[in-house]
Amino acid sequence: ALDWSGGSTYYADSMKGRFTISRENAKATVYLQMNNLKPEDTAVYYCA
């Protein structure tokens, strides 16, 4: 998760180091960069 105005980020412990959340103000868009993906990462991903 990300605090849009303050920029603070929060991660589930198991995601730290592989996933990065960020934002782009001009596009009102939040990104989730996922690296070193594993079969157990298979899922439907939702933003909220």
ModelCIF file with pLDDT and N, C-alpha, C, O atoms, coordinates in Angstrom:
data_MODEL
#
_entry.id   MODEL 
#
_entity.id                         1 
_entity.type                       polymer 
_entity.pdbx_number_of_molecules   1 
#
_entity_poly.entity_id                      1 
_entity_poly.type                           'polypeptide(L)' 
_entity_poly.nstd_linkage                   no 
_entity_poly.nstd_monomer                   no 
_entity_poly.pdbx_seq_one_letter_code       ALDWSGGSTYYADSMKGRFTISRENAKATVYLQMNNLKPEDTAVYYCA 
_entity_poly.pdbx_seq_one_letter_code_can   ALDWSGGSTYYADSMKGRFTISRENAKATVYLQMNNLKPEDTAVYYCA 
_entity_poly.pdbx_strand_id                 A 
#
loop_
_entity_poly_seq.entity_id 
_entity_poly_seq.num 
_entity_poly_seq.mon_id 
_entity_poly_seq.hetero 
1 1  ALA n 
1 2  LEU n 
1 3  ASP n 
1 4  TRP n 
1 5  SER n 
1 6  GLY n 
1 7  GLY n 
1 8  SER n 
1 9  THR n 
1 10 TYR n 
1 11 TYR n 
1 12 ALA n 
1 13 ASP n 
1 14 SER n 
1 15 MET n 
1 16 LYS n 
1 17 GLY n 
1 18 ARG n 
1 19 PHE n 
1 20 THR n 
1 21 ILE n 
1 22 SER n 
1 23 ARG n 
1 24 GLU n 
1 25 ASN n 
1 26 ALA n 
1 27 LYS n 
1 28 ALA n 
1 29 THR n 
1 30 VAL n 
1 31 TYR n 
1 32 LEU n 
1 33 GLN n 
1 34 MET n 
1 35 ASN n 
1 36 ASN n 
1 37 LEU n 
1 38 LYS n 
1 39 PRO n 
1 40 GLU n 
1 41 ASP n 
1 42 THR n 
1 43 ALA n 
1 44 VAL n 
1 45 TYR n 
1 46 TYR n 
1 47 CYS n 
1 48 ALA n 
#
_struct_asym.id          A 
_struct_asym.entity_id   1 
#
loop_
_ma_qa_metric.id 
_ma_qa_metric.mode 
_ma_qa_metric.name 
_ma_qa_metric.software_group_id 
_ma_qa_metric.type 
1 global pLDDT . pLDDT 
2 local  pLDDT . pLDDT 
#
_ma_qa_metric_global.metric_id      1 
_ma_qa_metric_global.metric_value   94.42 
_ma_qa_metric_global.model_id       1 
_ma_qa_metric_global.ordinal_id     1 
#
loop_
_ma_qa_metric_local.label_asym_id 
_ma_qa_metric_local.label_comp_id 
_ma_qa_metric_local.label_seq_id 
_ma_qa_metric_local.metric_id 
_ma_qa_metric_local.metric_value 
_ma_qa_metric_local.model_id 
_ma_qa_metric_local.ordinal_id 
A ALA 1  2 97.00 1 1  
A LEU 2  2 96.00 1 2  
A ASP 3  2 93.00 1 3  
A TRP 4  2 89.00 1 4  
A SER 5  2 88.00 1 5  
A GLY 6  2 86.00 1 6  
A GLY 7  2 89.00 1 7  
A SER 8  2 94.00 1 8  
A THR 9  2 96.00 1 9  
A TYR 10 2 96.00 1 10 
A TYR 11 2 97.00 1 11 
A ALA 12 2 96.00 1 12 
A ASP 13 2 93.00 1 13 
A SER 14 2 88.00 1 14 
A MET 15 2 89.00 1 15 
A LYS 16 2 89.00 1 16 
A GLY 17 2 92.00 1 17 
A ARG 18 2 96.00 1 18 
A PHE 19 2 97.00 1 19 
A THR 20 2 98.00 1 20 
A ILE 21 2 97.00 1 21 
A SER 22 2 96.00 1 22 
A ARG 23 2 94.00 1 23 
A GLU 24 2 93.00 1 24 
A ASN 25 2 87.00 1 25 
A ALA 26 2 88.00 1 26 
A LYS 27 2 90.00 1 27 
A ALA 28 2 90.00 1 28 
A THR 29 2 93.00 1 29 
A VAL 30 2 95.00 1 30 
A TYR 31 2 97.00 1 31 
A LEU 32 2 98.00 1 32 
A GLN 33 2 98.00 1 33 
A MET 34 2 98.00 1 34 
A ASN 35 2 97.00 1 35 
A ASN 36 2 96.00 1 36 
A LEU 37 2 97.00 1 37 
A LYS 38 2 96.00 1 38 
A PRO 39 2 97.00 1 39 
A GLU 40 2 96.00 1 40 
A ASP 41 2 97.00 1 41 
A THR 42 2 98.00 1 42 
A ALA 43 2 98.00 1 43 
A VAL 44 2 98.00 1 44 
A TYR 45 2 98.00 1 45 
A TYR 46 2 98.00 1 46 
A CYS 47 2 97.00 1 47 
A ALA 48 2 96.00 1 48 
#
loop_
_atom_site.group_PDB 
_atom_site.id 
_atom_site.type_symbol 
_atom_site.label_atom_id 
_atom_site.label_alt_id 
_atom_site.label_comp_id 
_atom_site.label_asym_id 
_atom_site.label_entity_id 
_atom_site.label_seq_id 
_atom_site.pdbx_PDB_ins_code 
_atom_site.Cartn_x 
_atom_site.Cartn_y 
_atom_site.Cartn_z 
_atom_site.occupancy 
_atom_site.B_iso_or_equiv 
_atom_site.pdbx_formal_charge 
_atom_site.auth_seq_id 
_atom_site.auth_comp_id 
_atom_site.auth_asym_id 
_atom_site.auth_atom_id 
_atom_site.pdbx_PDB_model_num 
ATOM 1   N N  . ALA A 1 1  ? 0.841  -1.197  0.000   1.00 97.00 ? 1  ALA A N  1 
ATOM 2   C CA . ALA A 1 1  ? 0.000  0.000   0.000   1.00 97.00 ? 1  ALA A CA 1 
ATOM 3   C C  . ALA A 1 1  ? 0.870  1.238   0.000   1.00 97.00 ? 1  ALA A C  1 
ATOM 4   O O  . ALA A 1 1  ? 2.050  1.203   0.350   1.00 97.00 ? 1  ALA A O  1 
ATOM 5   N N  . LEU A 1 2  ? 0.252  2.330   -0.402  1.00 96.00 ? 2  LEU A N  1 
ATOM 6   C CA . LEU A 1 2  ? 0.975  3.590   -0.526  1.00 96.00 ? 2  LEU A CA 1 
ATOM 7   C C  . LEU A 1 2  ? 0.090  4.728   -0.053  1.00 96.00 ? 2  LEU A C  1 
ATOM 8   O O  . LEU A 1 2  ? -1.097 4.789   -0.370  1.00 96.00 ? 2  LEU A O  1 
ATOM 9   N N  . ASP A 1 3  ? 0.693  5.631   0.714   1.00 93.00 ? 3  ASP A N  1 
ATOM 10  C CA . ASP A 1 3  ? 0.022  6.869   1.108   1.00 93.00 ? 3  ASP A CA 1 
ATOM 11  C C  . ASP A 1 3  ? 0.292  7.866   -0.003  1.00 93.00 ? 3  ASP A C  1 
ATOM 12  O O  . ASP A 1 3  ? 1.413  8.350   -0.156  1.00 93.00 ? 3  ASP A O  1 
ATOM 13  N N  . TRP A 1 4  ? -0.735 8.170   -0.775  1.00 89.00 ? 4  TRP A N  1 
ATOM 14  C CA . TRP A 1 4  ? -0.507 8.959   -1.978  1.00 89.00 ? 4  TRP A CA 1 
ATOM 15  C C  . TRP A 1 4  ? 0.096  10.315  -1.666  1.00 89.00 ? 4  TRP A C  1 
ATOM 16  O O  . TRP A 1 4  ? 1.047  10.728  -2.330  1.00 89.00 ? 4  TRP A O  1 
ATOM 17  N N  . SER A 1 5  ? -0.421 11.006  -0.694  1.00 88.00 ? 5  SER A N  1 
ATOM 18  C CA . SER A 1 5  ? 0.054  12.370  -0.454  1.00 88.00 ? 5  SER A CA 1 
ATOM 19  C C  . SER A 1 5  ? 1.415  12.387  0.226   1.00 88.00 ? 5  SER A C  1 
ATOM 20  O O  . SER A 1 5  ? 2.261  13.224  -0.093  1.00 88.00 ? 5  SER A O  1 
ATOM 21  N N  . GLY A 1 6  ? 1.630  11.465  1.163   1.00 86.00 ? 6  GLY A N  1 
ATOM 22  C CA . GLY A 1 6  ? 2.893  11.470  1.893   1.00 86.00 ? 6  GLY A CA 1 
ATOM 23  C C  . GLY A 1 6  ? 3.974  10.630  1.258   1.00 86.00 ? 6  GLY A C  1 
ATOM 24  O O  . GLY A 1 6  ? 5.161  10.861  1.486   1.00 86.00 ? 6  GLY A O  1 
ATOM 25  N N  . GLY A 1 7  ? 3.571  9.653   0.461   1.00 89.00 ? 7  GLY A N  1 
ATOM 26  C CA . GLY A 1 7  ? 4.537  8.806   -0.221  1.00 89.00 ? 7  GLY A CA 1 
ATOM 27  C C  . GLY A 1 7  ? 5.004  7.593   0.558   1.00 89.00 ? 7  GLY A C  1 
ATOM 28  O O  . GLY A 1 7  ? 5.774  6.792   0.029   1.00 89.00 ? 7  GLY A O  1 
ATOM 29  N N  . SER A 1 8  ? 4.563  7.431   1.797   1.00 94.00 ? 8  SER A N  1 
ATOM 30  C CA . SER A 1 8  ? 4.988  6.263   2.566   1.00 94.00 ? 8  SER A CA 1 
ATOM 31  C C  . SER A 1 8  ? 4.462  4.986   1.921   1.00 94.00 ? 8  SER A C  1 
ATOM 32  O O  . SER A 1 8  ? 3.372  4.959   1.350   1.00 94.00 ? 8  SER A O  1 
ATOM 33  N N  . THR A 1 9  ? 5.253  3.944   2.026   1.00 96.00 ? 9  THR A N  1 
ATOM 34  C CA . THR A 1 9  ? 4.868  2.660   1.452   1.00 96.00 ? 9  THR A CA 1 
ATOM 35  C C  . THR A 1 9  ? 4.857  1.581   2.531   1.00 96.00 ? 9  THR A C  1 
ATOM 36  O O  . THR A 1 9  ? 5.562  1.665   3.537   1.00 96.00 ? 9  THR A O  1 
ATOM 37  N N  . TYR A 1 10 ? 4.045  0.580   2.288   1.00 96.00 ? 10 TYR A N  1 
ATOM 38  C CA . TYR A 1 10 ? 3.848  -0.497  3.251   1.00 96.00 ? 10 TYR A CA 1 
ATOM 39  C C  . TYR A 1 10 ? 3.799  -1.800  2.460   1.00 96.00 ? 10 TYR A C  1 
ATOM 40  O O  . TYR A 1 10 ? 3.206  -1.861  1.383   1.00 96.00 ? 10 TYR A O  1 
ATOM 41  N N  . TYR A 1 11 ? 4.425  -2.837  3.001   1.00 97.00 ? 11 TYR A N  1 
ATOM 42  C CA . TYR A 1 11 ? 4.473  -4.114  2.308   1.00 97.00 ? 11 TYR A CA 1 
ATOM 43  C C  . TYR A 1 11 ? 4.165  -5.266  3.248   1.00 97.00 ? 11 TYR A C  1 
ATOM 44  O O  . TYR A 1 11 ? 4.475  -5.220  4.439   1.00 97.00 ? 11 TYR A O  1 
ATOM 45  N N  . ALA A 1 12 ? 3.553  -6.291  2.694   1.00 96.00 ? 12 ALA A N  1 
ATOM 46  C CA . ALA A 1 12 ? 3.481  -7.544  3.412   1.00 96.00 ? 12 ALA A CA 1 
ATOM 47  C C  . ALA A 1 12 ? 4.905  -8.091  3.514   1.00 96.00 ? 12 ALA A C  1 
ATOM 48  O O  . ALA A 1 12 ? 5.702  -7.943  2.587   1.00 96.00 ? 12 ALA A O  1 
ATOM 49  N N  . ASP A 1 13 ? 5.209  -8.708  4.619   1.00 93.00 ? 13 ASP A N  1 
ATOM 50  C CA . ASP A 1 13 ? 6.583  -9.165  4.854   1.00 93.00 ? 13 ASP A CA 1 
ATOM 51  C C  . ASP A 1 13 ? 7.079  -10.054 3.720   1.00 93.00 ? 13 ASP A C  1 
ATOM 52  O O  . ASP A 1 13 ? 8.242  -9.964  3.327   1.00 93.00 ? 13 ASP A O  1 
ATOM 53  N N  . SER A 1 14 ? 6.225  -10.894 3.202   1.00 88.00 ? 14 SER A N  1 
ATOM 54  C CA . SER A 1 14 ? 6.651  -11.845 2.179   1.00 88.00 ? 14 SER A CA 1 
ATOM 55  C C  . SER A 1 14 ? 6.914  -11.183 0.831   1.00 88.00 ? 14 SER A C  1 
ATOM 56  O O  . SER A 1 14 ? 7.496  -11.802 -0.059  1.00 88.00 ? 14 SER A O  1 
ATOM 57  N N  . MET A 1 15 ? 6.490  -9.930  0.674   1.00 89.00 ? 15 MET A N  1 
ATOM 58  C CA . MET A 1 15 ? 6.666  -9.231  -0.595  1.00 89.00 ? 15 MET A CA 1 
ATOM 59  C C  . MET A 1 15 ? 7.867  -8.286  -0.583  1.00 89.00 ? 15 MET A C  1 
ATOM 60  O O  . MET A 1 15 ? 8.325  -7.839  -1.635  1.00 89.00 ? 15 MET A O  1 
ATOM 61  N N  . LYS A 1 16 ? 8.368  -7.991  0.603   1.00 89.00 ? 16 LYS A N  1 
ATOM 62  C CA . LYS A 1 16 ? 9.475  -7.038  0.683   1.00 89.00 ? 16 LYS A CA 1 
ATOM 63  C C  . LYS A 1 16 ? 10.675 -7.520  -0.109  1.00 89.00 ? 16 LYS A C  1 
ATOM 64  O O  . LYS A 1 16 ? 11.050 -8.691  -0.048  1.00 89.00 ? 16 LYS A O  1 
ATOM 65  N N  . GLY A 1 17 ? 11.265 -6.611  -0.846  1.00 92.00 ? 17 GLY A N  1 
ATOM 66  C CA . GLY A 1 17 ? 12.452 -6.926  -1.614  1.00 92.00 ? 17 GLY A CA 1 
ATOM 67  C C  . GLY A 1 17 ? 12.176 -7.339  -3.038  1.00 92.00 ? 17 GLY A C  1 
ATOM 68  O O  . GLY A 1 17 ? 13.041 -7.180  -3.900  1.00 92.00 ? 17 GLY A O  1 
ATOM 69  N N  . ARG A 1 18 ? 10.996 -7.866  -3.314  1.00 96.00 ? 18 ARG A N  1 
ATOM 70  C CA . ARG A 1 18 ? 10.663 -8.271  -4.688  1.00 96.00 ? 18 ARG A CA 1 
ATOM 71  C C  . ARG A 1 18 ? 9.647  -7.342  -5.335  1.00 96.00 ? 18 ARG A C  1 
ATOM 72  O O  . ARG A 1 18 ? 9.659  -7.150  -6.551  1.00 96.00 ? 18 ARG A O  1 
ATOM 73  N N  . PHE A 1 19 ? 8.765  -6.766  -4.521  1.00 97.00 ? 19 PHE A N  1 
ATOM 74  C CA . PHE A 1 19 ? 7.695  -5.915  -5.044  1.00 97.00 ? 19 PHE A CA 1 
ATOM 75  C C  . PHE A 1 19 ? 7.943  -4.468  -4.627  1.00 97.00 ? 19 PHE A C  1 
ATOM 76  O O  . PHE A 1 19 ? 8.420  -4.202  -3.524  1.00 97.00 ? 19 PHE A O  1 
ATOM 77  N N  . THR A 1 20 ? 7.614  -3.544  -5.518  1.00 98.00 ? 20 THR A N  1 
ATOM 78  C CA . THR A 1 20 ? 7.758  -2.118  -5.227  1.00 98.00 ? 20 THR A CA 1 
ATOM 79  C C  . THR A 1 20 ? 6.504  -1.393  -5.678  1.00 98.00 ? 20 THR A C  1 
ATOM 80  O O  . THR A 1 20 ? 6.075  -1.524  -6.825  1.00 98.00 ? 20 THR A O  1 
ATOM 81  N N  . ILE A 1 21 ? 5.922  -0.629  -4.771  1.00 97.00 ? 21 ILE A N  1 
ATOM 82  C CA . ILE A 1 21 ? 4.750  0.177   -5.100  1.00 97.00 ? 21 ILE A CA 1 
ATOM 83  C C  . ILE A 1 21 ? 5.196  1.620   -5.276  1.00 97.00 ? 21 ILE A C  1 
ATOM 84  O O  . ILE A 1 21 ? 6.035  2.119   -4.525  1.00 97.00 ? 21 ILE A O  1 
ATOM 85  N N  . SER A 1 22 ? 4.628  2.283   -6.275  1.00 96.00 ? 22 SER A N  1 
ATOM 86  C CA . SER A 1 22 ? 4.986  3.673   -6.544  1.00 96.00 ? 22 SER A CA 1 
ATOM 87  C C  . SER A 1 22 ? 3.799  4.375   -7.191  1.00 96.00 ? 22 SER A C  1 
ATOM 88  O O  . SER A 1 22 ? 2.790  3.746   -7.510  1.00 96.00 ? 22 SER A O  1 
ATOM 89  N N  . ARG A 1 23 ? 3.933  5.685   -7.380  1.00 94.00 ? 23 ARG A N  1 
ATOM 90  C CA . ARG A 1 23 ? 2.816  6.438   -7.959  1.00 94.00 ? 23 ARG A CA 1 
ATOM 91  C C  . ARG A 1 23 ? 3.329  7.415   -9.002  1.00 94.00 ? 23 ARG A C  1 
ATOM 92  O O  . ARG A 1 23 ? 4.500  7.794   -9.004  1.00 94.00 ? 23 ARG A O  1 
ATOM 93  N N  . GLU A 1 24 ? 2.436  7.809   -9.876  1.00 93.00 ? 24 GLU A N  1 
ATOM 94  C CA . GLU A 1 24 ? 2.719  8.841   -10.869 1.00 93.00 ? 24 GLU A CA 1 
ATOM 95  C C  . GLU A 1 24 ? 1.572  9.829   -10.825 1.00 93.00 ? 24 GLU A C  1 
ATOM 96  O O  . GLU A 1 24 ? 0.472  9.550   -11.302 1.00 93.00 ? 24 GLU A O  1 
ATOM 97  N N  . ASN A 1 25 ? 1.841  10.984  -10.248 1.00 87.00 ? 25 ASN A N  1 
ATOM 98  C CA . ASN A 1 25 ? 0.790  11.963  -9.991  1.00 87.00 ? 25 ASN A CA 1 
ATOM 99  C C  . ASN A 1 25 ? 0.049  12.381  -11.252 1.00 87.00 ? 25 ASN A C  1 
ATOM 100 O O  . ASN A 1 25 ? -1.181 12.414  -11.277 1.00 87.00 ? 25 ASN A O  1 
ATOM 101 N N  . ALA A 1 26 ? 0.795  12.695  -12.284 1.00 88.00 ? 26 ALA A N  1 
ATOM 102 C CA . ALA A 1 26 ? 0.184  13.248  -13.490 1.00 88.00 ? 26 ALA A CA 1 
ATOM 103 C C  . ALA A 1 26 ? -0.815 12.288  -14.124 1.00 88.00 ? 26 ALA A C  1 
ATOM 104 O O  . ALA A 1 26 ? -1.754 12.714  -14.796 1.00 88.00 ? 26 ALA A O  1 
ATOM 105 N N  . LYS A 1 27 ? -0.609 10.996  -13.909 1.00 90.00 ? 27 LYS A N  1 
ATOM 106 C CA . LYS A 1 27 ? -1.494 10.001  -14.515 1.00 90.00 ? 27 LYS A CA 1 
ATOM 107 C C  . LYS A 1 27 ? -2.460 9.403   -13.509 1.00 90.00 ? 27 LYS A C  1 
ATOM 108 O O  . LYS A 1 27 ? -3.220 8.497   -13.850 1.00 90.00 ? 27 LYS A O  1 
ATOM 109 N N  . ALA A 1 28 ? -2.444 9.893   -12.268 1.00 90.00 ? 28 ALA A N  1 
ATOM 110 C CA . ALA A 1 28 ? -3.308 9.331   -11.215 1.00 90.00 ? 28 ALA A CA 1 
ATOM 111 C C  . ALA A 1 28 ? -3.201 7.812   -11.219 1.00 90.00 ? 28 ALA A C  1 
ATOM 112 O O  . ALA A 1 28 ? -4.205 7.101   -11.175 1.00 90.00 ? 28 ALA A O  1 
ATOM 113 N N  . THR A 1 29 ? -1.978 7.339   -11.271 1.00 93.00 ? 29 THR A N  1 
ATOM 114 C CA . THR A 1 29 ? -1.722 5.906   -11.415 1.00 93.00 ? 29 THR A CA 1 
ATOM 115 C C  . THR A 1 29 ? -0.755 5.427   -10.334 1.00 93.00 ? 29 THR A C  1 
ATOM 116 O O  . THR A 1 29 ? 0.229  6.091   -10.009 1.00 93.00 ? 29 THR A O  1 
ATOM 117 N N  . VAL A 1 30 ? -1.063 4.271   -9.801  1.00 95.00 ? 30 VAL A N  1 
ATOM 118 C CA . VAL A 1 30 ? -0.184 3.579   -8.863  1.00 95.00 ? 30 VAL A CA 1 
ATOM 119 C C  . VAL A 1 30 ? 0.322  2.323   -9.558  1.00 95.00 ? 30 VAL A C  1 
ATOM 120 O O  . VAL A 1 30 ? -0.432 1.629   -10.239 1.00 95.00 ? 30 VAL A O  1 
ATOM 121 N N  . TYR A 1 31 ? 1.596  2.042   -9.378  1.00 97.00 ? 31 TYR A N  1 
ATOM 122 C CA . TYR A 1 31 ? 2.219  0.888   -10.008 1.00 97.00 ? 31 TYR A CA 1 
ATOM 123 C C  . TYR A 1 31 ? 2.630  -0.137  -8.954  1.00 97.00 ? 31 TYR A C  1 
ATOM 124 O O  . TYR A 1 31 ? 2.907  0.195   -7.802  1.00 97.00 ? 31 TYR A O  1 
ATOM 125 N N  . LEU A 1 32 ? 2.657  -1.373  -9.384  1.00 98.00 ? 32 LEU A N  1 
ATOM 126 C CA . LEU A 1 32 ? 3.240  -2.431  -8.574  1.00 98.00 ? 32 LEU A CA 1 
ATOM 127 C C  . LEU A 1 32 ? 4.263  -3.147  -9.452  1.00 98.00 ? 32 LEU A C  1 
ATOM 128 O O  . LEU A 1 32 ? 3.908  -3.915  -10.347 1.00 98.00 ? 32 LEU A O  1 
ATOM 129 N N  . GLN A 1 33 ? 5.518  -2.885  -9.181  1.00 98.00 ? 33 GLN A N  1 
ATOM 130 C CA . GLN A 1 33 ? 6.588  -3.564  -9.905  1.00 98.00 ? 33 GLN A CA 1 
ATOM 131 C C  . GLN A 1 33 ? 6.892  -4.864  -9.190  1.00 98.00 ? 33 GLN A C  1 
ATOM 132 O O  . GLN A 1 33 ? 7.192  -4.871  -7.996  1.00 98.00 ? 33 GLN A O  1 
ATOM 133 N N  . MET A 1 34 ? 6.813  -5.966  -9.924  1.00 98.00 ? 34 MET A N  1 
ATOM 134 C CA . MET A 1 34 ? 7.018  -7.286  -9.342  1.00 98.00 ? 34 MET A CA 1 
ATOM 135 C C  . MET A 1 34 ? 8.205  -7.945  -10.026 1.00 98.00 ? 34 MET A C  1 
ATOM 136 O O  . MET A 1 34 ? 8.185  -8.172  -11.236 1.00 98.00 ? 34 MET A O  1 
ATOM 137 N N  . ASN A 1 35 ? 9.219  -8.245  -9.263  1.00 97.00 ? 35 ASN A N  1 
ATOM 138 C CA . ASN A 1 35 ? 10.427 -8.865  -9.797  1.00 97.00 ? 35 ASN A CA 1 
ATOM 139 C C  . ASN A 1 35 ? 10.621 -10.259 -9.217  1.00 97.00 ? 35 ASN A C  1 
ATOM 140 O O  . ASN A 1 35 ? 10.049 -10.609 -8.184  1.00 97.00 ? 35 ASN A O  1 
ATOM 141 N N  . ASN A 1 36 ? 11.433 -11.036 -9.897  1.00 96.00 ? 36 ASN A N  1 
ATOM 142 C CA . ASN A 1 36 ? 11.746 -12.391 -9.442  1.00 96.00 ? 36 ASN A CA 1 
ATOM 143 C C  . ASN A 1 36 ? 10.465 -13.155 -9.089  1.00 96.00 ? 36 ASN A C  1 
ATOM 144 O O  . ASN A 1 36 ? 10.343 -13.726 -8.006  1.00 96.00 ? 36 ASN A O  1 
ATOM 145 N N  . LEU A 1 37 ? 9.539  -13.152 -10.008 1.00 97.00 ? 37 LEU A N  1 
ATOM 146 C CA . LEU A 1 37 ? 8.245  -13.770 -9.748  1.00 97.00 ? 37 LEU A CA 1 
ATOM 147 C C  . LEU A 1 37 ? 8.362  -15.275 -9.588  1.00 97.00 ? 37 LEU A C  1 
ATOM 148 O O  . LEU A 1 37 ? 9.201  -15.929 -10.209 1.00 97.00 ? 37 LEU A O  1 
ATOM 149 N N  . LYS A 1 38 ? 7.496  -15.801 -8.738  1.00 96.00 ? 38 LYS A N  1 
ATOM 150 C CA . LYS A 1 38 ? 7.475  -17.223 -8.424  1.00 96.00 ? 38 LYS A CA 1 
ATOM 151 C C  . LYS A 1 38 ? 6.101  -17.783 -8.757  1.00 96.00 ? 38 LYS A C  1 
ATOM 152 O O  . LYS A 1 38 ? 5.122  -17.038 -8.794  1.00 96.00 ? 38 LYS A O  1 
ATOM 153 N N  . PRO A 1 39 ? 6.017  -19.092 -9.001  1.00 97.00 ? 39 PRO A N  1 
ATOM 154 C CA . PRO A 1 39 ? 4.702  -19.683 -9.296  1.00 97.00 ? 39 PRO A CA 1 
ATOM 155 C C  . PRO A 1 39 ? 3.667  -19.377 -8.212  1.00 97.00 ? 39 PRO A C  1 
ATOM 156 O O  . PRO A 1 39 ? 2.482  -19.244 -8.514  1.00 97.00 ? 39 PRO A O  1 
ATOM 157 N N  . GLU A 1 40 ? 4.092  -19.267 -6.978  1.00 96.00 ? 40 GLU A N  1 
ATOM 158 C CA . GLU A 1 40 ? 3.142  -18.978 -5.901  1.00 96.00 ? 40 GLU A CA 1 
ATOM 159 C C  . GLU A 1 40 ? 2.636  -17.539 -5.924  1.00 96.00 ? 40 GLU A C  1 
ATOM 160 O O  . GLU A 1 40 ? 1.748  -17.191 -5.146  1.00 96.00 ? 40 GLU A O  1 
ATOM 161 N N  . ASP A 1 41 ? 3.177  -16.706 -6.789  1.00 97.00 ? 41 ASP A N  1 
ATOM 162 C CA . ASP A 1 41 ? 2.639  -15.357 -6.980  1.00 97.00 ? 41 ASP A CA 1 
ATOM 163 C C  . ASP A 1 41 ? 1.441  -15.343 -7.921  1.00 97.00 ? 41 ASP A C  1 
ATOM 164 O O  . ASP A 1 41 ? 0.808  -14.304 -8.107  1.00 97.00 ? 41 ASP A O  1 
ATOM 165 N N  . THR A 1 42 ? 1.132  -16.481 -8.510  1.00 98.00 ? 42 THR A N  1 
ATOM 166 C CA . THR A 1 42 ? -0.011 -16.571 -9.406  1.00 98.00 ? 42 THR A CA 1 
ATOM 167 C C  . THR A 1 42 ? -1.296 -16.250 -8.668  1.00 98.00 ? 42 THR A C  1 
ATOM 168 O O  . THR A 1 42 ? -1.615 -16.875 -7.656  1.00 98.00 ? 42 THR A O  1 
ATOM 169 N N  . ALA A 1 43 ? -2.032 -15.274 -9.178  1.00 98.00 ? 43 ALA A N  1 
ATOM 170 C CA . ALA A 1 43 ? -3.252 -14.818 -8.513  1.00 98.00 ? 43 ALA A CA 1 
ATOM 171 C C  . ALA A 1 43 ? -3.895 -13.733 -9.366  1.00 98.00 ? 43 ALA A C  1 
ATOM 172 O O  . ALA A 1 43 ? -3.305 -13.243 -10.329 1.00 98.00 ? 43 ALA A O  1 
ATOM 173 N N  . VAL A 1 44 ? -5.106 -13.372 -8.993  1.00 98.00 ? 44 VAL A N  1 
ATOM 174 C CA . VAL A 1 44 ? -5.706 -12.153 -9.512  1.00 98.00 ? 44 VAL A CA 1 
ATOM 175 C C  . VAL A 1 44 ? -5.295 -11.023 -8.575  1.00 98.00 ? 44 VAL A C  1 
ATOM 176 O O  . VAL A 1 44 ? -5.451 -11.120 -7.357  1.00 98.00 ? 44 VAL A O  1 
ATOM 177 N N  . TYR A 1 45 ? -4.773 -9.964  -9.156  1.00 98.00 ? 45 TYR A N  1 
ATOM 178 C CA . TYR A 1 45 ? -4.294 -8.829  -8.378  1.00 98.00 ? 45 TYR A CA 1 
ATOM 179 C C  . TYR A 1 45 ? -5.308 -7.692  -8.482  1.00 98.00 ? 45 TYR A C  1 
ATOM 180 O O  . TYR A 1 45 ? -5.760 -7.330  -9.568  1.00 98.00 ? 45 TYR A O  1 
ATOM 181 N N  . TYR A 1 46 ? -5.644 -7.149  -7.329  1.00 98.00 ? 46 TYR A N  1 
ATOM 182 C CA . TYR A 1 46 ? -6.625 -6.074  -7.242  1.00 98.00 ? 46 TYR A CA 1 
ATOM 183 C C  . TYR A 1 46 ? -5.990 -4.829  -6.646  1.00 98.00 ? 46 TYR A C  1 
ATOM 184 O O  . TYR A 1 46 ? -5.161 -4.910  -5.739  1.00 98.00 ? 46 TYR A O  1 
ATOM 185 N N  . CYS A 1 47 ? -6.391 -3.674  -7.168  1.00 97.00 ? 47 CYS A N  1 
ATOM 186 C CA . CYS A 1 47 ? -6.016 -2.437  -6.486  1.00 97.00 ? 47 CYS A CA 1 
ATOM 187 C C  . CYS A 1 47 ? -7.250 -1.870  -5.799  1.00 97.00 ? 47 CYS A C  1 
ATOM 188 O O  . CYS A 1 47 ? -8.383 -2.129  -6.206  1.00 97.00 ? 47 CYS A O  1 
ATOM 189 N N  . ALA A 1 48 ? -7.011 -1.103  -4.765  1.00 96.00 ? 48 ALA A N  1 
ATOM 190 C CA . ALA A 1 48 ? -8.103 -0.568  -3.974  1.00 96.00 ? 48 ALA A CA 1 
ATOM 191 C C  . ALA A 1 48 ? -7.672 0.753   -3.356  1.00 96.00 ? 48 ALA A C  1 
ATOM 192 O O  . ALA A 1 48 ? -8.451 1.384   -2.641  1.00 96.00 ? 48 ALA A O  1 
#
